[in-house]
């Protein structure tokens, strides 16, 4: 293996390791997801500028939906508590269970006490706000980086102007680009399987939403599909939103939605291992192990990147030819050797 090729593998490995150590898994995933979306839109439109415009519309729509749902949650939380807490109190009294709250204000005080004193509570809120702001900034930077990469790919775009054509820098850039291109292909392969999983999950969820007549069903279906593109954690996010909206109707409906969505979540976990395992041609148990290790090393981003890394390693190792060692080496007997033995 030549030096530039070794360097390219080292750069890719260092990128993944540093993303985990520096907690930069989110911007790395934003770049991959954004570039994947841009490539799919380009496949449909055949024009880069149109793909960029459509991608901007999709990002703006997702942001608007997030703001709408957040505003809905803030405004509806007191009403949800006022309608749900009496039902919960009645249910607890029948079973001789004493709840520490009786209305929204007492519930809020219980939450504050659970988080600590007022100063600690404010500090936790400030830390959460700072972390959320950092994630948003990293997300925007990741989207911009993906758009720039989509418009003009390559690490050495001015290669034709160099005095020495086959210089070391250009060759190393070509090798590094090849490694990251192969890694993106592995990501695209896994995402193809994840789209299928999200589609199945969205259909089952849509049947439930329309069957119970939950408010904002079309919006919730769109959120379910978009969140389903993120393995495991996306399903948890969409489930939380659906249960909260169900709480605005009744506590009984929220419990029913929670039970149904937990069952769907378990089904998705098995589908995740089965479909992705079949797509990347790895056994289910190996995919599950990769998901567990990825989560322990990098958290939620590790869950998403684990099948990608597993598929990339398999594809790369399939390109390396290993000559089998000789099972037996015969000793060539010379006449001198035979005469010596006699």
Protein backbone atom coordinates (compact mmCIF):
# COMPACT_ATOMS: atom_id res chain seq x y z
CA UNK A 1 0.00 0.00 0.00
CA UNK A 2 1.50 3.32 -1.06
CA UNK A 3 1.93 6.24 1.32
CA UNK A 4 -0.94 8.47 0.02
CA UNK A 5 -3.38 5.57 0.37
CA UNK A 6 -2.26 4.92 3.94
CA UNK A 7 -2.60 8.62 4.66
CA UNK A 8 -6.15 8.67 3.28
CA UNK A 9 -7.23 5.81 5.56
CA UNK A 10 -5.64 7.60 8.49
CA UNK A 11 -7.48 10.84 7.69
CA UNK A 12 -10.84 9.04 7.52
CA UNK A 13 -10.19 7.15 10.78
CA UNK A 14 -9.03 10.35 12.51
CA UNK A 15 -12.16 12.18 11.35
CA UNK A 16 -14.48 9.56 12.86
CA UNK A 17 -12.46 9.31 16.08
CA UNK A 18 -12.26 13.08 16.55
CA UNK A 19 -15.99 13.40 15.84
CA UNK A 20 -16.59 11.09 18.79
CA UNK A 21 -14.00 12.58 21.15
CA UNK A 22 -14.91 16.21 20.45
CA UNK A 23 -18.67 15.54 20.38
CA UNK A 24 -18.90 16.58 16.73
CA UNK A 25 -21.07 13.67 15.64
CA UNK A 26 -24.06 15.95 15.04
CA UNK A 27 -22.38 18.25 12.47
CA UNK A 28 -20.86 15.21 10.75
CA UNK A 29 -24.31 13.65 10.44
CA UNK A 30 -25.81 16.95 9.26
CA UNK A 31 -23.23 17.07 6.45
CA UNK A 32 -23.96 13.47 5.45
CA UNK A 33 -27.76 13.84 5.62
CA UNK A 34 -27.72 17.18 3.76
CA UNK A 35 -25.43 15.89 1.02
CA UNK A 36 -27.57 12.77 0.69
CA UNK A 37 -30.72 14.89 0.32
CA UNK A 38 -29.03 17.13 -2.24
CA UNK A 39 -27.90 14.12 -4.28
CA UNK A 40 -31.41 12.66 -4.27
CA UNK A 41 -32.93 15.98 -5.34
CA UNK A 42 -30.32 16.30 -8.07
CA UNK A 43 -31.20 12.79 -9.27
CA UNK A 44 -34.82 13.94 -9.65
CA UNK A 45 -34.22 17.42 -11.11
CA UNK A 46 -30.93 16.93 -13.03
CA UNK A 47 -30.03 20.55 -12.13
CA UNK A 48 -27.88 21.53 -9.19
CA UNK A 49 -29.38 24.99 -8.73
CA UNK A 50 -32.91 23.55 -8.64
CA UNK A 51 -31.82 20.86 -6.18
CA UNK A 52 -30.35 23.56 -3.92
CA UNK A 53 -33.58 25.58 -4.03
CA UNK A 54 -35.73 22.55 -3.23
CA UNK A 55 -33.37 21.58 -0.43
CA UNK A 56 -33.68 25.07 1.04
CA UNK A 57 -37.47 24.79 0.89
CA UNK A 58 -37.34 21.42 2.69
CA UNK A 59 -35.02 22.76 5.40
CA UNK A 60 -37.24 25.82 5.87
CA UNK A 61 -40.31 23.58 6.11
CA UNK A 62 -38.67 21.38 8.74
CA UNK A 63 -37.64 24.46 10.74
CA UNK A 64 -41.15 25.92 10.50
CA UNK A 65 -42.68 22.62 11.65
CA UNK A 66 -40.27 22.49 14.61
CA UNK A 67 -41.16 26.06 15.63
CA UNK A 68 -44.88 25.34 15.25
CA UNK A 69 -44.73 22.18 17.36
CA UNK A 70 -42.61 23.90 20.02
CA UNK A 71 -45.04 26.81 20.22
CA UNK A 72 -47.95 24.38 20.35
CA UNK A 73 -46.30 22.51 23.22
CA UNK A 74 -45.61 25.66 25.23
CA UNK A 75 -49.14 27.00 24.80
CA UNK A 76 -50.90 23.68 25.36
CA UNK A 77 -48.89 22.47 28.35
CA UNK A 78 -50.98 24.21 31.05
CA UNK A 79 -54.25 23.03 29.46
CA UNK A 80 -52.90 19.52 29.11
CA UNK A 81 -51.92 19.48 32.76
CA UNK A 82 -55.29 20.87 33.90
CA UNK A 83 -57.22 18.23 31.94
CA UNK A 84 -54.90 15.29 32.56
CA UNK A 85 -53.96 15.74 36.22
CA UNK A 86 -57.55 15.27 37.57
CA UNK A 87 -57.86 12.03 35.60
CA UNK A 88 -54.47 10.88 36.83
CA UNK A 89 -55.40 11.79 40.42
CA UNK A 90 -58.67 9.86 40.21
CA UNK A 91 -56.87 6.85 38.77
CA UNK A 92 -54.25 7.03 41.55
CA UNK A 93 -56.86 7.40 44.33
CA UNK A 94 -58.66 4.26 43.22
CA UNK A 95 -55.40 2.37 43.64
CA UNK A 96 -54.49 4.19 46.88
CA UNK A 97 -51.56 5.97 45.32
CA UNK A 98 -50.69 9.46 46.56
CA UNK A 99 -49.44 11.83 43.87
CA UNK A 100 -47.15 14.75 44.81
CA UNK A 101 -49.09 17.21 42.63
CA UNK A 102 -52.70 18.30 42.17
CA UNK A 103 -52.48 20.95 39.41
CA UNK A 104 -50.05 22.47 36.91
CA UNK A 105 -48.35 24.80 39.40
CA UNK A 106 -47.73 22.02 41.90
CA UNK A 107 -46.43 19.82 39.07
CA UNK A 108 -44.04 22.57 38.00
CA UNK A 109 -42.80 22.91 41.57
CA UNK A 110 -42.24 19.15 41.80
CA UNK A 111 -40.18 19.27 38.61
CA UNK A 112 -38.10 22.19 39.91
CA UNK A 113 -37.52 20.39 43.22
CA UNK A 114 -36.49 17.26 41.36
CA UNK A 115 -33.94 19.23 39.33
CA UNK A 116 -32.55 20.89 42.45
CA UNK A 117 -32.64 24.33 43.97
CA UNK A 118 -33.69 27.40 42.01
CA UNK A 119 -30.10 28.33 41.19
CA UNK A 120 -29.32 24.82 39.94
CA UNK A 121 -32.54 24.86 37.95
CA UNK A 122 -31.58 28.13 36.26
CA UNK A 123 -28.07 26.81 35.64
CA UNK A 124 -29.50 23.68 34.01
CA UNK A 125 -31.77 25.80 31.83
CA UNK A 126 -28.79 27.98 30.81
CA UNK A 127 -26.70 24.89 29.97
CA UNK A 128 -29.55 23.45 27.93
CA UNK A 129 -29.97 26.72 26.05
CA UNK A 130 -26.22 26.92 25.37
CA UNK A 131 -26.11 23.31 24.13
CA UNK A 132 -29.15 23.84 21.92
CA UNK A 133 -27.63 27.00 20.44
CA UNK A 134 -24.36 25.17 19.73
CA UNK A 135 -26.25 22.34 18.00
CA UNK A 136 -28.17 24.83 15.87
CA UNK A 137 -24.97 26.63 14.87
CA UNK A 138 -23.24 23.33 14.05
CA UNK A 139 -26.31 22.27 12.08
CA UNK A 140 -26.25 25.44 9.98
CA UNK A 141 -22.50 25.05 9.38
CA UNK A 142 -23.04 21.43 8.36
CA UNK A 143 -25.75 22.43 5.88
CA UNK A 144 -23.52 25.14 4.39
CA UNK A 145 -20.60 22.69 4.15
CA UNK A 146 -22.78 20.10 2.41
CA UNK A 147 -24.06 22.71 -0.04
CA UNK A 148 -20.52 23.85 -0.83
CA UNK A 149 -19.40 20.25 -1.30
CA UNK A 150 -22.38 19.59 -3.56
CA UNK A 151 -21.64 22.60 -5.79
CA UNK A 152 -17.90 21.93 -6.19
CA UNK A 153 -16.59 18.58 -4.99
CA UNK A 154 -12.95 17.64 -4.47
CA UNK A 155 -10.19 18.72 -2.11
CA UNK A 156 -7.99 20.12 -4.90
CA UNK A 157 -10.31 22.02 -7.28
CA UNK A 158 -7.38 23.92 -8.86
CA UNK A 159 -5.34 20.86 -9.73
CA UNK A 160 -5.01 21.86 -13.40
CA UNK A 161 -3.10 25.02 -12.49
CA UNK A 162 -0.26 23.30 -10.58
CA UNK A 163 3.19 23.37 -12.17
CA UNK A 164 3.85 19.73 -11.23
CA UNK A 165 0.91 17.66 -12.41
CA UNK A 166 1.33 14.48 -10.34
CA UNK A 167 2.44 16.24 -7.17
CA UNK A 168 2.18 14.65 -3.73
CA UNK A 169 -0.54 17.04 -2.53
CA UNK A 170 -2.88 16.35 -5.45
CA UNK A 171 -2.38 12.60 -5.21
CA UNK A 172 -3.09 12.63 -1.46
CA UNK A 173 -6.21 14.73 -2.08
CA UNK A 174 -7.40 12.20 -4.66
CA UNK A 175 -6.88 9.31 -2.23
CA UNK A 176 -8.61 11.13 0.66
CA UNK A 177 -11.53 12.02 -1.64
CA UNK A 178 -11.81 8.37 -2.65
CA UNK A 179 -11.97 7.23 0.98
CA UNK A 180 -14.66 9.75 1.90
CA UNK A 181 -16.57 8.99 -1.31
CA UNK A 182 -16.64 5.31 -0.40
CA UNK A 183 -17.72 6.19 3.13
CA UNK A 184 -20.57 8.31 1.77
CA UNK A 185 -21.66 5.42 -0.47
CA UNK A 186 -21.91 3.24 2.61
CA UNK A 187 -23.98 5.96 4.26
CA UNK A 188 -26.25 6.15 1.20
CA UNK A 189 -26.69 2.37 1.24
CA UNK A 190 -27.74 2.40 4.89
CA UNK A 191 -30.01 5.40 4.30
CA UNK A 192 -31.77 3.52 1.50
CA UNK A 193 -32.67 0.82 4.01
CA UNK A 194 -33.61 3.44 6.63
CA UNK A 195 -36.04 5.09 4.19
CA UNK A 196 -37.80 1.75 3.81
CA UNK A 197 -38.00 1.37 7.61
CA UNK A 198 -39.34 4.91 8.00
CA UNK A 199 -41.94 4.27 5.28
CA UNK A 200 -43.24 1.14 7.06
CA UNK A 201 -43.29 2.94 10.42
CA UNK A 202 -45.09 5.95 8.91
CA UNK A 203 -47.82 3.79 7.34
CA UNK A 204 -48.54 2.00 10.65
CA UNK A 205 -48.51 5.30 12.56
CA UNK A 206 -50.79 6.97 10.00
CA UNK A 207 -53.34 4.17 10.37
CA UNK A 208 -53.36 4.68 14.13
CA UNK A 209 -53.59 8.49 13.92
CA UNK A 210 -56.54 8.47 11.55
CA UNK A 211 -58.23 5.64 13.47
CA UNK A 212 -58.24 7.60 16.76
CA UNK A 213 -58.83 10.97 15.08
CA UNK A 214 -55.79 12.70 16.55
CA UNK A 215 -55.47 16.45 15.77
CA UNK A 216 -52.86 17.62 13.25
CA UNK A 217 -52.61 14.10 11.80
CA UNK A 218 -51.09 15.12 8.41
CA UNK A 219 -48.38 17.16 10.11
CA UNK A 220 -47.65 14.35 12.58
CA UNK A 221 -47.36 11.87 9.69
CA UNK A 222 -44.82 14.12 7.94
CA UNK A 223 -42.87 14.52 11.20
CA UNK A 224 -42.94 10.74 11.72
CA UNK A 225 -41.47 10.08 8.28
CA UNK A 226 -38.75 12.73 8.60
CA UNK A 227 -37.81 11.64 12.12
CA UNK A 228 -37.86 8.02 10.99
CA UNK A 229 -34.93 8.73 8.69
CA UNK A 230 -32.81 8.88 11.85
CA UNK A 231 -32.42 5.33 13.26
CA UNK A 232 -33.89 4.63 16.72
CA UNK A 233 -33.72 8.16 18.15
CA UNK A 234 -35.89 9.64 15.39
CA UNK A 235 -38.66 7.24 16.32
CA UNK A 236 -38.38 8.32 19.96
CA UNK A 237 -38.74 11.98 18.98
CA UNK A 238 -41.83 11.41 16.84
CA UNK A 239 -43.36 9.20 19.54
CA UNK A 240 -42.88 11.93 22.15
CA UNK A 241 -44.58 14.49 19.92
CA UNK A 242 -47.53 12.18 19.18
CA UNK A 243 -48.04 11.29 22.85
CA UNK A 244 -47.96 14.97 23.80
CA UNK A 245 -50.56 15.83 21.15
CA UNK A 246 -52.68 12.91 22.40
CA UNK A 247 -52.46 14.39 25.90
CA UNK A 248 -54.21 17.50 24.62
CA UNK A 249 -57.23 15.26 23.95
CA UNK A 250 -57.28 12.93 26.94
CA UNK A 251 -55.03 10.97 29.26
CA UNK A 252 -56.59 7.69 28.13
CA UNK A 253 -55.77 8.42 24.49
CA UNK A 254 -52.20 9.37 25.45
CA UNK A 255 -51.70 6.07 27.28
CA UNK A 256 -53.11 4.15 24.32
CA UNK A 257 -50.83 6.05 21.94
CA UNK A 258 -47.84 5.36 24.18
CA UNK A 259 -48.53 1.61 24.25
CA UNK A 260 -49.01 1.49 20.48
CA UNK A 261 -45.89 3.51 19.74
CA UNK A 262 -43.74 1.49 22.13
CA UNK A 263 -44.76 -1.63 20.20
CA UNK A 264 -43.92 0.12 16.93
CA UNK A 265 -40.58 1.19 18.41
CA UNK A 266 -39.71 -2.41 19.26
CA UNK A 267 -40.75 -3.48 15.76
CA UNK A 268 -38.55 -0.76 14.25
CA UNK A 269 -35.56 -1.93 16.29
CA UNK A 270 -35.92 -5.42 14.78
CA UNK A 271 -36.57 -4.00 11.31
CA UNK A 272 -33.50 -1.81 11.72
CA UNK A 273 -31.31 -4.83 12.35
CA UNK A 274 -32.98 -7.05 9.74
CA UNK A 275 -33.39 -4.66 6.79
CA UNK A 276 -30.13 -2.77 7.29
CA UNK A 277 -28.35 -6.05 8.01
CA UNK A 278 -29.65 -7.50 4.73
CA UNK A 279 -28.83 -4.35 2.78
CA UNK A 280 -25.23 -4.29 3.99
CA UNK A 281 -25.11 -8.11 4.00
CA UNK A 282 -24.19 -8.46 7.64
CA UNK A 283 -25.93 -10.77 10.11
CA UNK A 284 -28.50 -9.31 12.49
CA UNK A 285 -26.43 -10.06 15.60
CA UNK A 286 -23.41 -8.22 14.17
CA UNK A 287 -25.53 -5.18 13.31
CA UNK A 288 -27.00 -5.15 16.82
CA UNK A 289 -23.52 -5.33 18.35
CA UNK A 290 -22.42 -2.44 16.13
CA UNK A 291 -25.43 -0.38 17.25
CA UNK A 292 -24.66 -1.05 20.92
CA UNK A 293 -20.95 -0.25 20.57
CA UNK A 294 -21.70 2.88 18.54
CA UNK A 295 -24.12 4.13 21.18
CA UNK A 296 -21.64 3.52 23.98
CA UNK A 297 -18.80 5.30 22.16
CA UNK A 298 -20.60 8.25 20.55
CA UNK A 299 -24.13 8.27 21.94
CA UNK A 300 -26.99 8.95 19.53
CA UNK A 301 -24.70 9.82 16.56
CA UNK A 302 -22.98 6.49 17.13
CA UNK A 303 -26.28 4.67 16.63
CA UNK A 304 -26.58 6.22 13.20
CA UNK A 305 -22.94 5.86 12.17
CA UNK A 306 -22.45 2.28 13.42
CA UNK A 307 -24.13 0.51 10.44
CA UNK A 308 -22.35 2.92 8.08
CA UNK A 309 -18.91 2.13 9.50
CA UNK A 310 -19.72 -1.59 9.55
CA UNK A 311 -20.70 -1.56 5.88
CA UNK A 312 -17.68 0.54 4.93
CA UNK A 313 -15.29 -1.87 6.64
CA UNK A 314 -16.89 -4.82 4.86
CA UNK A 315 -16.68 -3.14 1.44
CA UNK A 316 -13.08 -2.08 1.95
CA UNK A 317 -11.95 -5.51 3.13
CA UNK A 318 -13.66 -7.14 0.12
CA UNK A 319 -11.27 -5.20 -2.15
CA UNK A 320 -8.15 -6.60 -0.46
CA UNK A 321 -6.88 -9.88 -1.85
CA UNK A 322 -5.13 -12.21 0.59
CA UNK A 323 -3.18 -15.15 -0.74
CA UNK A 324 -3.74 -18.30 1.32
CA UNK A 325 -0.66 -19.73 2.99
CA UNK A 326 0.63 -23.05 1.75
CA UNK A 327 -0.75 -25.83 3.87
CA UNK A 328 2.34 -28.00 3.48
CA UNK A 329 5.89 -27.31 2.33
CA UNK A 330 7.63 -30.28 0.76
CA UNK A 331 11.30 -30.75 1.37
CA UNK A 332 13.29 -31.11 -1.87
CA UNK A 333 15.69 -33.95 -1.31
CA UNK A 334 19.06 -33.57 -2.93
CA UNK A 335 21.40 -36.51 -3.76
CA UNK A 336 23.91 -35.15 -1.23
CA UNK A 337 21.24 -35.20 1.46
CA UNK A 338 20.25 -38.79 0.63
CA UNK A 339 23.86 -40.00 0.65
CA UNK A 340 24.42 -38.28 3.99
CA UNK A 341 21.41 -40.15 5.50
CA UNK A 342 22.65 -43.49 4.12
